[in-house]
Amino acid sequence: MRIDLNGTTFTVVAQSLAEMLIELGFDGGTIATAVNGIFVPAAARAGTRLHAGDRIEVLAPMQGG
């Protein structure tokens, strides 16, 4: 299915947010996620089903000041 991730279109086979993160290589660090503008906590990612056209945001913390 086609999804929008951080403004770029991807085609994925994943059915859940957690599966998509693994498929696209985001399974290593601390990140924040949102689907269609709604924050999704880490504990809810496996149960968050994806649908074609979903807008997903993945943000990693930055260091600096």
C-alpha atoms as a PDB file:
ATOM      1  CA  MET A   1       0.000   0.000   0.000  1.00  0.00           C
ATOM      2  CA  ARG A   2       1.106   3.582  -0.547  1.00  0.00           C
ATOM      3  CA  ILE A   3       1.643   5.806   2.467  1.00  0.00           C
ATOM      4  CA  ASP A   4       3.140   9.246   3.002  1.00  0.00           C
ATOM      5  CA  LEU A   5       6.078   9.190   5.434  1.00  0.00           C
ATOM      6  CA  ASN A   6       7.518  12.555   6.433  1.00  0.00           C
ATOM      7  CA  GLY A   7       6.364  14.032   3.127  1.00  0.00           C
ATOM      8  CA  THR A   8       7.668  11.232   0.881  1.00  0.00           C
ATOM      9  CA  THR A   9       5.509   8.533  -0.679  1.00  0.00           C
ATOM     10  CA  PHE A  10       6.471   4.914   0.030  1.00  0.00           C
ATOM     11  CA  THR A  11       4.947   1.596  -0.948  1.00  0.00           C
ATOM     12  CA  VAL A  12       4.955  -0.848   1.975  1.00  0.00           C
ATOM     13  CA  VAL A  13       3.580  -4.316   2.699  1.00  0.00           C
ATOM     14  CA  ALA A  14       3.271  -3.619   6.438  1.00  0.00           C
ATOM     15  CA  GLN A  15      -0.223  -3.642   7.915  1.00  0.00           C
ATOM     16  CA  SER A  16       0.594  -1.947  11.248  1.00  0.00           C
ATOM     17  CA  LEU A  17       2.655   1.053  12.252  1.00  0.00           C
ATOM     18  CA  ALA A  18       5.114  -1.188  14.126  1.00  0.00           C
ATOM     19  CA  GLU A  19       5.596  -3.386  11.045  1.00  0.00           C
ATOM     20  CA  MET A  20       6.127  -0.316   8.848  1.00  0.00           C
ATOM     21  CA  LEU A  21       8.801   1.026  11.185  1.00  0.00           C
ATOM     22  CA  ILE A  22      10.706  -2.263  10.933  1.00  0.00           C
ATOM     23  CA  GLU A  23      10.206  -2.482   7.169  1.00  0.00           C
ATOM     24  CA  LEU A  24      11.615   1.010   6.631  1.00  0.00           C
ATOM     25  CA  GLY A  25      14.490   0.680   9.110  1.00  0.00           C
ATOM     26  CA  PHE A  26      13.225   2.756  12.062  1.00  0.00           C
ATOM     27  CA  ASP A  27      13.396  -0.107  14.564  1.00  0.00           C
ATOM     28  CA  GLY A  28      16.625   0.907  16.319  1.00  0.00           C
ATOM     29  CA  GLY A  29      16.293   4.132  18.248  1.00  0.00           C
ATOM     30  CA  THR A  30      13.987   6.327  20.238  1.00  0.00           C
ATOM     31  CA  ILE A  31      11.385   7.953  17.999  1.00  0.00           C
ATOM     32  CA  ALA A  32       8.006   9.656  18.164  1.00  0.00           C
ATOM     33  CA  THR A  33       5.253   8.682  15.731  1.00  0.00           C
ATOM     34  CA  ALA A  34       1.999  10.153  14.463  1.00  0.00           C
ATOM     35  CA  VAL A  35      -0.572   8.883  11.984  1.00  0.00           C
ATOM     36  CA  ASN A  36      -2.744  11.463  10.233  1.00  0.00           C
ATOM     37  CA  GLY A  37      -1.681  14.081  12.764  1.00  0.00           C
ATOM     38  CA  ILE A  38      -2.499  11.996  15.849  1.00  0.00           C
ATOM     39  CA  PHE A  39       0.343  10.986  18.198  1.00  0.00           C
ATOM     40  CA  VAL A  40       0.780   7.215  18.532  1.00  0.00           C
ATOM     41  CA  PRO A  41       2.672   6.082  21.667  1.00  0.00           C
ATOM     42  CA  ALA A  42       5.162   3.227  21.322  1.00  0.00           C
ATOM     43  CA  ALA A  43       2.883   0.808  23.169  1.00  0.00           C
ATOM     44  CA  ALA A  44       0.096   1.373  20.611  1.00  0.00           C
ATOM     45  CA  ARG A  45       2.130   1.005  17.409  1.00  0.00           C
ATOM     46  CA  ALA A  46       1.553  -2.745  16.958  1.00  0.00           C
ATOM     47  CA  GLY A  47      -2.206  -2.245  17.197  1.00  0.00           C
ATOM     48  CA  THR A  48      -2.315   0.784  14.898  1.00  0.00           C
ATOM     49  CA  ARG A  49      -3.505  -0.429  11.502  1.00  0.00           C
ATOM     50  CA  LEU A  50      -2.354   1.420   8.410  1.00  0.00           C
ATOM     51  CA  HIS A  51      -4.533   2.319   5.440  1.00  0.00           C
ATOM     52  CA  ALA A  52      -3.586   3.433   1.951  1.00  0.00           C
ATOM     53  CA  GLY A  53      -2.950   7.167   1.892  1.00  0.00           C
ATOM     54  CA  ASP A  54      -2.160   7.515   5.617  1.00  0.00           C
ATOM     55  CA  ARG A  55       0.168  10.387   6.524  1.00  0.00           C
ATOM     56  CA  ILE A  56       2.806   9.147   8.938  1.00  0.00           C
ATOM     57  CA  GLU A  57       5.379  11.221  10.767  1.00  0.00           C
ATOM     58  CA  VAL A  58       8.455   9.759  12.430  1.00  0.00           C
ATOM     59  CA  LEU A  59      10.625  12.089  14.485  1.00  0.00           C
ATOM     60  CA  ALA A  60      13.874  11.365  16.261  1.00  0.00           C
ATOM     61  CA  PRO A  61      15.147  13.496  19.161  1.00  0.00           C
ATOM     62  CA  MET A  62      17.964  15.887  18.329  1.00  0.00           C
ATOM     63  CA  GLN A  63      20.854  16.969  20.503  1.00  0.00           C
ATOM     64  CA  GLY A  64      22.187  20.464  20.691  1.00  0.00           C
ATOM     65  CA  GLY A  65      21.170  23.733  22.081  1.00  0.00           C
END
